[in-house]
mmCIF file of all heavy atoms, coordinates in Angstrom:
data_MODEL
# 
_entry.id   MODEL 
# 
loop_
_atom_site.group_PDB 
_atom_site.id 
_atom_site.type_symbol 
_atom_site.label_atom_id 
_atom_site.label_alt_id 
_atom_site.label_comp_id 
_atom_site.label_asym_id 
_atom_site.label_entity_id 
_atom_site.label_seq_id 
_atom_site.pdbx_PDB_ins_code 
_atom_site.Cartn_x 
_atom_site.Cartn_y 
_atom_site.Cartn_z 
_atom_site.occupancy 
_atom_site.B_iso_or_equiv 
_atom_site.pdbx_formal_charge 
_atom_site.auth_seq_id 
_atom_site.auth_comp_id 
_atom_site.auth_asym_id 
_atom_site.auth_atom_id 
_atom_site.pdbx_PDB_model_num 
ATOM 1   N N   . SER A 1 1  ? 0.842  -1.204 0.000  1.00 0.00 ? 1  SER A N   1 
ATOM 2   C CA  . SER A 1 1  ? 0.000  0.000  0.000  1.00 0.00 ? 1  SER A CA  1 
ATOM 3   C C   . SER A 1 1  ? 0.873  1.248  0.000  1.00 0.00 ? 1  SER A C   1 
ATOM 4   O O   . SER A 1 1  ? 2.103  1.177  -0.055 1.00 0.00 ? 1  SER A O   1 
ATOM 5   C CB  . SER A 1 1  ? -0.932 -0.013 1.210  1.00 0.00 ? 1  SER A CB  1 
ATOM 6   O OG  . SER A 1 1  ? -0.182 0.010  2.416  1.00 0.00 ? 1  SER A OG  1 
ATOM 7   N N   . LYS A 1 2  ? 0.234  2.393  0.083  1.00 0.00 ? 2  LYS A N   1 
ATOM 8   C CA  . LYS A 1 2  ? 0.946  3.664  0.116  1.00 0.00 ? 2  LYS A CA  1 
ATOM 9   C C   . LYS A 1 2  ? 0.920  4.246  1.517  1.00 0.00 ? 2  LYS A C   1 
ATOM 10  O O   . LYS A 1 2  ? -0.003 4.029  2.291  1.00 0.00 ? 2  LYS A O   1 
ATOM 11  C CB  . LYS A 1 2  ? 0.327  4.659  -0.873 1.00 0.00 ? 2  LYS A CB  1 
ATOM 12  C CG  . LYS A 1 2  ? 0.564  4.301  -2.331 1.00 0.00 ? 2  LYS A CG  1 
ATOM 13  C CD  . LYS A 1 2  ? 0.047  5.396  -3.245 1.00 0.00 ? 2  LYS A CD  1 
ATOM 14  C CE  . LYS A 1 2  ? 0.368  5.075  -4.705 1.00 0.00 ? 2  LYS A CE  1 
ATOM 15  N NZ  . LYS A 1 2  ? -0.105 6.159  -5.615 1.00 0.00 ? 2  LYS A NZ  1 
ATOM 16  N N   . GLY A 1 3  ? 1.980  5.003  1.828  1.00 0.00 ? 3  GLY A N   1 
ATOM 17  C CA  . GLY A 1 3  ? 2.059  5.727  3.090  1.00 0.00 ? 3  GLY A CA  1 
ATOM 18  C C   . GLY A 1 3  ? 2.541  7.132  2.807  1.00 0.00 ? 3  GLY A C   1 
ATOM 19  O O   . GLY A 1 3  ? 2.719  7.519  1.647  1.00 0.00 ? 3  GLY A O   1 
ATOM 20  N N   . MET A 1 4  ? 2.790  7.899  3.860  1.00 0.00 ? 4  MET A N   1 
ATOM 21  C CA  . MET A 1 4  ? 3.189  9.286  3.642  1.00 0.00 ? 4  MET A CA  1 
ATOM 22  C C   . MET A 1 4  ? 4.665  9.391  3.274  1.00 0.00 ? 4  MET A C   1 
ATOM 23  O O   . MET A 1 4  ? 5.484  8.565  3.665  1.00 0.00 ? 4  MET A O   1 
ATOM 24  C CB  . MET A 1 4  ? 2.856  10.141 4.850  1.00 0.00 ? 4  MET A CB  1 
ATOM 25  C CG  . MET A 1 4  ? 3.693  9.938  6.084  1.00 0.00 ? 4  MET A CG  1 
ATOM 26  S SD  . MET A 1 4  ? 3.120  10.974 7.462  1.00 0.00 ? 4  MET A SD  1 
ATOM 27  C CE  . MET A 1 4  ? 3.338  12.637 6.800  1.00 0.00 ? 4  MET A CE  1 
ATOM 28  N N   . SER A 1 5  ? 4.971  10.418 2.522  1.00 0.00 ? 5  SER A N   1 
ATOM 29  C CA  . SER A 1 5  ? 6.325  10.651 2.036  1.00 0.00 ? 5  SER A CA  1 
ATOM 30  C C   . SER A 1 5  ? 7.119  11.473 3.047  1.00 0.00 ? 5  SER A C   1 
ATOM 31  O O   . SER A 1 5  ? 6.690  11.700 4.173  1.00 0.00 ? 5  SER A O   1 
ATOM 32  C CB  . SER A 1 5  ? 6.263  11.354 0.676  1.00 0.00 ? 5  SER A CB  1 
ATOM 33  O OG  . SER A 1 5  ? 7.540  11.433 0.083  1.00 0.00 ? 5  SER A OG  1 
ATOM 34  N N   . VAL A 1 6  ? 8.275  11.938 2.608  1.00 0.00 ? 6  VAL A N   1 
ATOM 35  C CA  . VAL A 1 6  ? 9.216  12.639 3.483  1.00 0.00 ? 6  VAL A CA  1 
ATOM 36  C C   . VAL A 1 6  ? 8.955  14.146 3.476  1.00 0.00 ? 6  VAL A C   1 
ATOM 37  O O   . VAL A 1 6  ? 8.022  14.630 2.833  1.00 0.00 ? 6  VAL A O   1 
ATOM 38  C CB  . VAL A 1 6  ? 10.664 12.345 3.049  1.00 0.00 ? 6  VAL A CB  1 
ATOM 39  C CG1 . VAL A 1 6  ? 10.991 10.878 3.248  1.00 0.00 ? 6  VAL A CG1 1 
ATOM 40  C CG2 . VAL A 1 6  ? 10.883 12.734 1.570  1.00 0.00 ? 6  VAL A CG2 1 
ATOM 41  N N   . THR A 1 7  ? 9.806  14.895 4.157  1.00 0.00 ? 7  THR A N   1 
ATOM 42  C CA  . THR A 1 7  ? 9.707  16.352 4.254  1.00 0.00 ? 7  THR A CA  1 
ATOM 43  C C   . THR A 1 7  ? 9.747  16.991 2.861  1.00 0.00 ? 7  THR A C   1 
ATOM 44  O O   . THR A 1 7  ? 10.560 16.553 2.032  1.00 0.00 ? 7  THR A O   1 
ATOM 45  C CB  . THR A 1 7  ? 10.875 16.898 5.094  1.00 0.00 ? 7  THR A CB  1 
ATOM 46  O OG1 . THR A 1 7  ? 10.905 16.202 6.339  1.00 0.00 ? 7  THR A OG1 1 
ATOM 47  C CG2 . THR A 1 7  ? 10.742 18.370 5.333  1.00 0.00 ? 7  THR A CG2 1 
ATOM 48  N N   . PRO A 1 8  ? 8.916  18.004 2.613  1.00 0.00 ? 8  PRO A N   1 
ATOM 49  C CA  . PRO A 1 8  ? 7.989  18.685 3.509  1.00 0.00 ? 8  PRO A CA  1 
ATOM 50  C C   . PRO A 1 8  ? 6.718  17.871 3.743  1.00 0.00 ? 8  PRO A C   1 
ATOM 51  O O   . PRO A 1 8  ? 6.214  17.204 2.845  1.00 0.00 ? 8  PRO A O   1 
ATOM 52  C CB  . PRO A 1 8  ? 7.679  19.985 2.774  1.00 0.00 ? 8  PRO A CB  1 
ATOM 53  C CG  . PRO A 1 8  ? 7.846  19.639 1.329  1.00 0.00 ? 8  PRO A CG  1 
ATOM 54  C CD  . PRO A 1 8  ? 8.981  18.653 1.284  1.00 0.00 ? 8  PRO A CD  1 
ATOM 55  N N   . ALA A 1 9  ? 6.221  17.953 4.975  1.00 0.00 ? 9  ALA A N   1 
ATOM 56  C CA  . ALA A 1 9  ? 5.022  17.219 5.354  1.00 0.00 ? 9  ALA A CA  1 
ATOM 57  C C   . ALA A 1 9  ? 4.246  18.031 6.374  1.00 0.00 ? 9  ALA A C   1 
ATOM 58  O O   . ALA A 1 9  ? 4.825  18.819 7.128  1.00 0.00 ? 9  ALA A O   1 
ATOM 59  C CB  . ALA A 1 9  ? 5.394  15.857 5.935  1.00 0.00 ? 9  ALA A CB  1 
ATOM 60  N N   . ILE A 1 10 ? 2.939  17.833 6.399  1.00 0.00 ? 10 ILE A N   1 
ATOM 61  C CA  . ILE A 1 10 ? 2.078  18.531 7.350  1.00 0.00 ? 10 ILE A CA  1 
ATOM 62  C C   . ILE A 1 10 ? 1.566  17.516 8.362  1.00 0.00 ? 10 ILE A C   1 
ATOM 63  O O   . ILE A 1 10 ? 1.029  16.467 7.982  1.00 0.00 ? 10 ILE A O   1 
ATOM 64  C CB  . ILE A 1 10 ? 0.899  19.219 6.649  1.00 0.00 ? 10 ILE A CB  1 
ATOM 65  C CG1 . ILE A 1 10 ? 1.399  20.175 5.572  1.00 0.00 ? 10 ILE A CG1 1 
ATOM 66  C CG2 . ILE A 1 10 ? 0.045  19.973 7.665  1.00 0.00 ? 10 ILE A CG2 1 
ATOM 67  C CD1 . ILE A 1 10 ? 0.301  20.751 4.702  1.00 0.00 ? 10 ILE A CD1 1 
ATOM 68  N N   . LEU A 1 11 ? 1.740  17.815 9.645  1.00 0.00 ? 11 LEU A N   1 
ATOM 69  C CA  . LEU A 1 11 ? 1.339  16.916 10.710 1.00 0.00 ? 11 LEU A CA  1 
ATOM 70  C C   . LEU A 1 11 ? 0.273  17.558 11.589 1.00 0.00 ? 11 LEU A C   1 
ATOM 71  O O   . LEU A 1 11 ? 0.254  18.780 11.777 1.00 0.00 ? 11 LEU A O   1 
ATOM 72  C CB  . LEU A 1 11 ? 2.541  16.545 11.582 1.00 0.00 ? 11 LEU A CB  1 
ATOM 73  C CG  . LEU A 1 11 ? 3.763  15.940 10.879 1.00 0.00 ? 11 LEU A CG  1 
ATOM 74  C CD1 . LEU A 1 11 ? 4.847  15.625 11.906 1.00 0.00 ? 11 LEU A CD1 1 
ATOM 75  C CD2 . LEU A 1 11 ? 3.387  14.699 10.094 1.00 0.00 ? 11 LEU A CD2 1 
ATOM 76  N N   . SER A 1 12 ? -0.592 16.727 12.135 1.00 0.00 ? 12 SER A N   1 
ATOM 77  C CA  . SER A 1 12 ? -1.547 17.178 13.141 1.00 0.00 ? 12 SER A CA  1 
ATOM 78  C C   . SER A 1 12 ? -0.823 17.309 14.477 1.00 0.00 ? 12 SER A C   1 
ATOM 79  O O   . SER A 1 12 ? -0.189 16.359 14.944 1.00 0.00 ? 12 SER A O   1 
ATOM 80  C CB  . SER A 1 12 ? -2.701 16.180 13.272 1.00 0.00 ? 12 SER A CB  1 
ATOM 81  O OG  . SER A 1 12 ? -3.321 16.285 14.525 1.00 0.00 ? 12 SER A OG  1 
ATOM 82  N N   . THR A 1 13 ? -0.930 18.468 15.087 1.00 0.00 ? 13 THR A N   1 
ATOM 83  C CA  . THR A 1 13 ? -0.281 18.699 16.372 1.00 0.00 ? 13 THR A CA  1 
ATOM 84  C C   . THR A 1 13 ? -0.814 17.749 17.430 1.00 0.00 ? 13 THR A C   1 
ATOM 85  O O   . THR A 1 13 ? -0.045 17.135 18.187 1.00 0.00 ? 13 THR A O   1 
ATOM 86  C CB  . THR A 1 13 ? -0.500 20.159 16.812 1.00 0.00 ? 13 THR A CB  1 
ATOM 87  O OG1 . THR A 1 13 ? -0.062 21.038 15.773 1.00 0.00 ? 13 THR A OG1 1 
ATOM 88  C CG2 . THR A 1 13 ? 0.252  20.466 18.104 1.00 0.00 ? 13 THR A CG2 1 
ATOM 89  N N   . GLN A 1 14 ? -2.128 17.605 17.488 1.00 0.00 ? 14 GLN A N   1 
ATOM 90  C CA  . GLN A 1 14 ? -2.729 16.759 18.513 1.00 0.00 ? 14 GLN A CA  1 
ATOM 91  C C   . GLN A 1 14 ? -2.395 15.291 18.296 1.00 0.00 ? 14 GLN A C   1 
ATOM 92  O O   . GLN A 1 14 ? -2.139 14.551 19.259 1.00 0.00 ? 14 GLN A O   1 
ATOM 93  C CB  . GLN A 1 14 ? -4.249 16.964 18.551 1.00 0.00 ? 14 GLN A CB  1 
ATOM 94  C CG  . GLN A 1 14 ? -4.974 16.202 19.639 1.00 0.00 ? 14 GLN A CG  1 
ATOM 95  C CD  . GLN A 1 14 ? -4.578 16.647 21.048 1.00 0.00 ? 14 GLN A CD  1 
ATOM 96  O OE1 . GLN A 1 14 ? -3.850 17.616 21.220 1.00 0.00 ? 14 GLN A OE1 1 
ATOM 97  N NE2 . GLN A 1 14 ? -5.063 15.946 22.050 1.00 0.00 ? 14 GLN A NE2 1 
ATOM 98  N N   . ALA A 1 15 ? -2.367 14.831 17.049 1.00 0.00 ? 15 ALA A N   1 
ATOM 99  C CA  . ALA A 1 15 ? -2.016 13.442 16.779 1.00 0.00 ? 15 ALA A CA  1 
ATOM 100 C C   . ALA A 1 15 ? -0.580 13.151 17.212 1.00 0.00 ? 15 ALA A C   1 
ATOM 101 O O   . ALA A 1 15 ? -0.292 12.079 17.758 1.00 0.00 ? 15 ALA A O   1 
ATOM 102 C CB  . ALA A 1 15 ? -2.207 13.123 15.299 1.00 0.00 ? 15 ALA A CB  1 
ATOM 103 N N   . CYS A 1 16 ? 0.327  14.095 16.993 1.00 0.00 ? 16 CYS A N   1 
ATOM 104 C CA  . CYS A 1 16 ? 1.713  13.915 17.435 1.00 0.00 ? 16 CYS A CA  1 
ATOM 105 C C   . CYS A 1 16 ? 1.792  13.842 18.953 1.00 0.00 ? 16 CYS A C   1 
ATOM 106 O O   . CYS A 1 16 ? 2.545  13.032 19.512 1.00 0.00 ? 16 CYS A O   1 
ATOM 107 C CB  . CYS A 1 16 ? 2.585  15.060 16.933 1.00 0.00 ? 16 CYS A CB  1 
ATOM 108 S SG  . CYS A 1 16 ? 3.002  14.975 15.184 1.00 0.00 ? 16 CYS A SG  1 
ATOM 109 N N   . ARG A 1 17 ? 1.015  14.665 19.616 1.00 0.00 ? 17 ARG A N   1 
ATOM 110 C CA  . ARG A 1 17 ? 1.034  14.644 21.082 1.00 0.00 ? 17 ARG A CA  1 
ATOM 111 C C   . ARG A 1 17 ? 0.529  13.306 21.622 1.00 0.00 ? 17 ARG A C   1 
ATOM 112 O O   . ARG A 1 17 ? 1.083  12.769 22.590 1.00 0.00 ? 17 ARG A O   1 
ATOM 113 C CB  . ARG A 1 17 ? 0.168  15.789 21.622 1.00 0.00 ? 17 ARG A CB  1 
ATOM 114 C CG  . ARG A 1 17 ? 0.753  17.175 21.371 1.00 0.00 ? 17 ARG A CG  1 
ATOM 115 C CD  . ARG A 1 17 ? -0.192 18.253 21.877 1.00 0.00 ? 17 ARG A CD  1 
ATOM 116 N NE  . ARG A 1 17 ? 0.342  19.589 21.677 1.00 0.00 ? 17 ARG A NE  1 
ATOM 117 C CZ  . ARG A 1 17 ? -0.302 20.706 22.030 1.00 0.00 ? 17 ARG A CZ  1 
ATOM 118 N NH1 . ARG A 1 17 ? -1.493 20.619 22.604 1.00 0.00 ? 17 ARG A NH1 1 
ATOM 119 N NH2 . ARG A 1 17 ? 0.246  21.887 21.816 1.00 0.00 ? 17 ARG A NH2 1 
ATOM 120 N N   . THR A 1 18 ? -0.516 12.767 21.018 1.00 0.00 ? 18 THR A N   1 
ATOM 121 C CA  . THR A 1 18 ? -1.019 11.474 21.503 1.00 0.00 ? 18 THR A CA  1 
ATOM 122 C C   . THR A 1 18 ? -0.046 10.347 21.179 1.00 0.00 ? 18 THR A C   1 
ATOM 123 O O   . THR A 1 18 ? 0.048  9.369  21.921 1.00 0.00 ? 18 THR A O   1 
ATOM 124 C CB  . THR A 1 18 ? -2.407 11.164 20.903 1.00 0.00 ? 18 THR A CB  1 
ATOM 125 O OG1 . THR A 1 18 ? -2.323 11.083 19.471 1.00 0.00 ? 18 THR A OG1 1 
ATOM 126 C CG2 . THR A 1 18 ? -3.418 12.225 21.285 1.00 0.00 ? 18 THR A CG2 1 
ATOM 127 N N   . LEU A 1 19 ? 0.698  10.489 20.079 1.00 0.00 ? 19 LEU A N   1 
ATOM 128 C CA  . LEU A 1 19 ? 1.733  9.506  19.752 1.00 0.00 ? 19 LEU A CA  1 
ATOM 129 C C   . LEU A 1 19 ? 2.818  9.513  20.820 1.00 0.00 ? 19 LEU A C   1 
ATOM 130 O O   . LEU A 1 19 ? 3.264  8.453  21.284 1.00 0.00 ? 19 LEU A O   1 
ATOM 131 C CB  . LEU A 1 19 ? 2.328  9.826  18.380 1.00 0.00 ? 19 LEU A CB  1 
ATOM 132 C CG  . LEU A 1 19 ? 3.542  8.998  17.938 1.00 0.00 ? 19 LEU A CG  1 
ATOM 133 C CD1 . LEU A 1 19 ? 3.199  7.508  17.872 1.00 0.00 ? 19 LEU A CD1 1 
ATOM 134 C CD2 . LEU A 1 19 ? 4.047  9.492  16.583 1.00 0.00 ? 19 LEU A CD2 1 
ATOM 135 N N   . ILE A 1 20 ? 3.246  10.702 21.234 1.00 0.00 ? 20 ILE A N   1 
ATOM 136 C CA  . ILE A 1 20 ? 4.233  10.809 22.312 1.00 0.00 ? 20 ILE A CA  1 
ATOM 137 C C   . ILE A 1 20 ? 3.695  10.152 23.581 1.00 0.00 ? 20 ILE A C   1 
ATOM 138 O O   . ILE A 1 20 ? 4.401  9.390  24.262 1.00 0.00 ? 20 ILE A O   1 
ATOM 139 C CB  . ILE A 1 20 ? 4.586  12.285 22.570 1.00 0.00 ? 20 ILE A CB  1 
ATOM 140 C CG1 . ILE A 1 20 ? 5.443  12.843 21.429 1.00 0.00 ? 20 ILE A CG1 1 
ATOM 141 C CG2 . ILE A 1 20 ? 5.328  12.443 23.900 1.00 0.00 ? 20 ILE A CG2 1 
ATOM 142 C CD1 . ILE A 1 20 ? 5.702  14.332 21.531 1.00 0.00 ? 20 ILE A CD1 1 
ATOM 143 N N   . ASN A 1 21 ? 2.447  10.434 23.913 1.00 0.00 ? 21 ASN A N   1 
ATOM 144 C CA  . ASN A 1 21 ? 1.850  9.859  25.124 1.00 0.00 ? 21 ASN A CA  1 
ATOM 145 C C   . ASN A 1 21 ? 1.803  8.340  25.064 1.00 0.00 ? 21 ASN A C   1 
ATOM 146 O O   . ASN A 1 21 ? 1.955  7.659  26.081 1.00 0.00 ? 21 ASN A O   1 
ATOM 147 C CB  . ASN A 1 21 ? 0.447  10.419 25.340 1.00 0.00 ? 21 ASN A CB  1 
ATOM 148 C CG  . ASN A 1 21 ? 0.465  11.871 25.778 1.00 0.00 ? 21 ASN A CG  1 
ATOM 149 O OD1 . ASN A 1 21 ? 1.467  12.367 26.271 1.00 0.00 ? 21 ASN A OD1 1 
ATOM 150 N ND2 . ASN A 1 21 ? -0.648 12.550 25.580 1.00 0.00 ? 21 ASN A ND2 1 
ATOM 151 N N   . HIS A 1 22 ? 1.618  7.803  23.866 1.00 0.00 ? 22 HIS A N   1 
ATOM 152 C CA  . HIS A 1 22 ? 1.575  6.353  23.706 1.00 0.00 ? 22 HIS A CA  1 
ATOM 153 C C   . HIS A 1 22 ? 2.892  5.719  24.141 1.00 0.00 ? 22 HIS A C   1 
ATOM 154 O O   . HIS A 1 22 ? 2.899  4.623  24.728 1.00 0.00 ? 22 HIS A O   1 
ATOM 155 C CB  . HIS A 1 22 ? 1.284  6.006  22.249 1.00 0.00 ? 22 HIS A CB  1 
ATOM 156 C CG  . HIS A 1 22 ? 1.441  4.551  21.930 1.00 0.00 ? 22 HIS A CG  1 
ATOM 157 N ND1 . HIS A 1 22 ? 0.525  3.595  22.310 1.00 0.00 ? 22 HIS A ND1 1 
ATOM 158 C CD2 . HIS A 1 22 ? 2.432  3.878  21.271 1.00 0.00 ? 22 HIS A CD2 1 
ATOM 159 C CE1 . HIS A 1 22 ? 0.927  2.405  21.906 1.00 0.00 ? 22 HIS A CE1 1 
ATOM 160 N NE2 . HIS A 1 22 ? 2.086  2.542  21.271 1.00 0.00 ? 22 HIS A NE2 1 
ATOM 161 N N   . PHE A 1 23 ? 3.999  6.384  23.841 1.00 0.00 ? 23 PHE A N   1 
ATOM 162 C CA  . PHE A 1 23 ? 5.313  5.838  24.183 1.00 0.00 ? 23 PHE A CA  1 
ATOM 163 C C   . PHE A 1 23 ? 5.786  6.256  25.573 1.00 0.00 ? 23 PHE A C   1 
ATOM 164 O O   . PHE A 1 23 ? 6.877  5.882  25.986 1.00 0.00 ? 23 PHE A O   1 
ATOM 165 C CB  . PHE A 1 23 ? 6.349  6.277  23.147 1.00 0.00 ? 23 PHE A CB  1 
ATOM 166 C CG  . PHE A 1 23 ? 6.241  5.551  21.837 1.00 0.00 ? 23 PHE A CG  1 
ATOM 167 C CD1 . PHE A 1 23 ? 5.772  6.200  20.704 1.00 0.00 ? 23 PHE A CD1 1 
ATOM 168 C CD2 . PHE A 1 23 ? 6.591  4.212  21.743 1.00 0.00 ? 23 PHE A CD2 1 
ATOM 169 C CE1 . PHE A 1 23 ? 5.667  5.532  19.499 1.00 0.00 ? 23 PHE A CE1 1 
ATOM 170 C CE2 . PHE A 1 23 ? 6.478  3.524  20.542 1.00 0.00 ? 23 PHE A CE2 1 
ATOM 171 C CZ  . PHE A 1 23 ? 6.009  4.191  19.412 1.00 0.00 ? 23 PHE A CZ  1 
ATOM 172 N N   . SER A 1 24 ? 4.994  7.034  26.259 1.00 0.00 ? 24 SER A N   1 
ATOM 173 C CA  . SER A 1 24 ? 5.392  7.542  27.566 1.00 0.00 ? 24 SER A CA  1 
ATOM 174 C C   . SER A 1 24 ? 4.706  6.756  28.672 1.00 0.00 ? 24 SER A C   1 
ATOM 175 O O   . SER A 1 24 ? 3.542  6.983  28.991 1.00 0.00 ? 24 SER A O   1 
ATOM 176 C CB  . SER A 1 24 ? 5.028  9.026  27.677 1.00 0.00 ? 24 SER A CB  1 
ATOM 177 O OG  . SER A 1 24 ? 5.417  9.543  28.914 1.00 0.00 ? 24 SER A OG  1 
ATOM 178 N N   . ALA A 1 25 ? 5.449  5.851  29.282 1.00 0.00 ? 25 ALA A N   1 
ATOM 179 C CA  . ALA A 1 25 ? 4.869  4.990  30.321 1.00 0.00 ? 25 ALA A CA  1 
ATOM 180 C C   . ALA A 1 25 ? 4.400  5.778  31.518 1.00 0.00 ? 25 ALA A C   1 
ATOM 181 O O   . ALA A 1 25 ? 3.363  5.490  32.116 1.00 0.00 ? 25 ALA A O   1 
ATOM 182 C CB  . ALA A 1 25 ? 5.886  3.932  30.740 1.00 0.00 ? 25 ALA A CB  1 
ATOM 183 N N   . ASP A 1 26 ? 5.167  6.792  31.908 1.00 0.00 ? 26 ASP A N   1 
ATOM 184 C CA  . ASP A 1 26 ? 4.813  7.562  33.103 1.00 0.00 ? 26 ASP A CA  1 
ATOM 185 C C   . ASP A 1 26 ? 4.578  9.038  32.791 1.00 0.00 ? 26 ASP A C   1 
ATOM 186 O O   . ASP A 1 26 ? 4.542  9.870  33.685 1.00 0.00 ? 26 ASP A O   1 
ATOM 187 C CB  . ASP A 1 26 ? 5.903  7.439  34.161 1.00 0.00 ? 26 ASP A CB  1 
ATOM 188 C CG  . ASP A 1 26 ? 7.269  7.911  33.643 1.00 0.00 ? 26 ASP A CG  1 
ATOM 189 O OD1 . ASP A 1 26 ? 7.327  8.436  32.509 1.00 0.00 ? 26 ASP A OD1 1 
ATOM 190 O OD2 . ASP A 1 26 ? 8.260  7.760  34.361 1.00 0.00 ? 26 ASP A OD2 1 
ATOM 191 N N   . HIS A 1 27 ? 4.416  9.353  31.475 1.00 0.00 ? 27 HIS A N   1 
ATOM 192 C CA  . HIS A 1 27 ? 4.159  10.722 31.028 1.00 0.00 ? 27 HIS A CA  1 
ATOM 193 C C   . HIS A 1 27 ? 5.282  11.692 31.393 1.00 0.00 ? 27 HIS A C   1 
ATOM 194 O O   . HIS A 1 27 ? 5.077  12.897 31.490 1.00 0.00 ? 27 HIS A O   1 
ATOM 195 C CB  . HIS A 1 27 ? 2.822  11.241 31.579 1.00 0.00 ? 27 HIS A CB  1 
ATOM 196 C CG  . HIS A 1 27 ? 1.654  10.409 31.163 1.00 0.00 ? 27 HIS A CG  1 
ATOM 197 N ND1 . HIS A 1 27 ? 1.145  10.439 29.880 1.00 0.00 ? 27 HIS A ND1 1 
ATOM 198 C CD2 . HIS A 1 27 ? 0.925  9.499  31.845 1.00 0.00 ? 27 HIS A CD2 1 
ATOM 199 C CE1 . HIS A 1 27 ? 0.133  9.592  29.786 1.00 0.00 ? 27 HIS A CE1 1 
ATOM 200 N NE2 . HIS A 1 27 ? -0.014 8.996  30.962 1.00 0.00 ? 27 HIS A NE2 1 
ATOM 201 N N   . SER A 1 28 ? 6.473  11.162 31.584 1.00 0.00 ? 28 SER A N   1 
ATOM 202 C CA  . SER A 1 28 ? 7.609  12.029 31.887 1.00 0.00 ? 28 SER A CA  1 
ATOM 203 C C   . SER A 1 28 ? 8.314  12.427 30.597 1.00 0.00 ? 28 SER A C   1 
ATOM 204 O O   . SER A 1 28 ? 8.102  11.833 29.538 1.00 0.00 ? 28 SER A O   1 
ATOM 205 C CB  . SER A 1 28 ? 8.601  11.307 32.794 1.00 0.00 ? 28 SER A CB  1 
ATOM 206 O OG  . SER A 1 28 ? 9.277  10.282 32.087 1.00 0.00 ? 28 SER A OG  1 
ATOM 207 N N   . GLU A 1 29 ? 9.159  13.417 30.703 1.00 0.00 ? 29 GLU A N   1 
ATOM 208 C CA  . GLU A 1 29 ? 9.901  13.909 29.548 1.00 0.00 ? 29 GLU A CA  1 
ATOM 209 C C   . GLU A 1 29 ? 10.814 12.833 28.967 1.00 0.00 ? 29 GLU A C   1 
ATOM 210 O O   . GLU A 1 29 ? 11.002 12.746 27.761 1.00 0.00 ? 29 GLU A O   1 
ATOM 211 C CB  . GLU A 1 29 ? 10.736 15.128 29.951 1.00 0.00 ? 29 GLU A CB  1 
ATOM 212 C CG  . GLU A 1 29 ? 11.684 15.636 28.876 1.00 0.00 ? 29 GLU A CG  1 
ATOM 213 C CD  . GLU A 1 29 ? 10.963 16.107 27.624 1.00 0.00 ? 29 GLU A CD  1 
ATOM 214 O OE1 . GLU A 1 29 ? 9.948  16.799 27.753 1.00 0.00 ? 29 GLU A OE1 1 
ATOM 215 O OE2 . GLU A 1 29 ? 11.425 15.762 26.512 1.00 0.00 ? 29 GLU A OE2 1 
ATOM 216 N N   . HIS A 1 30 ? 11.365 11.995 29.839 1.00 0.00 ? 30 HIS A N   1 
ATOM 217 C CA  . HIS A 1 30 ? 12.386 11.052 29.381 1.00 0.00 ? 30 HIS A CA  1 
ATOM 218 C C   . HIS A 1 30 ? 11.826 9.720  28.902 1.00 0.00 ? 30 HIS A C   1 
ATOM 219 O O   . HIS A 1 30 ? 12.438 9.073  28.048 1.00 0.00 ? 30 HIS A O   1 
ATOM 220 C CB  . HIS A 1 30 ? 13.396 10.797 30.519 1.00 0.00 ? 30 HIS A CB  1 
ATOM 221 C CG  . HIS A 1 30 ? 14.265 11.968 30.811 1.00 0.00 ? 30 HIS A CG  1 
ATOM 222 N ND1 . HIS A 1 30 ? 15.449 12.210 30.153 1.00 0.00 ? 30 HIS A ND1 1 
ATOM 223 C CD2 . HIS A 1 30 ? 14.125 12.992 31.686 1.00 0.00 ? 30 HIS A CD2 1 
ATOM 224 C CE1 . HIS A 1 30 ? 16.000 13.324 30.613 1.00 0.00 ? 30 HIS A CE1 1 
ATOM 225 N NE2 . HIS A 1 30 ? 15.216 13.810 31.544 1.00 0.00 ? 30 HIS A NE2 1 
# 
């Protein structure tokens, strides 16, 4: 199938934030 290409690209701010939260076990910076 097809996926998104490289820069330049437009991202949803909120979607990026939830992606970060997904990888954050304790919601800390590290």
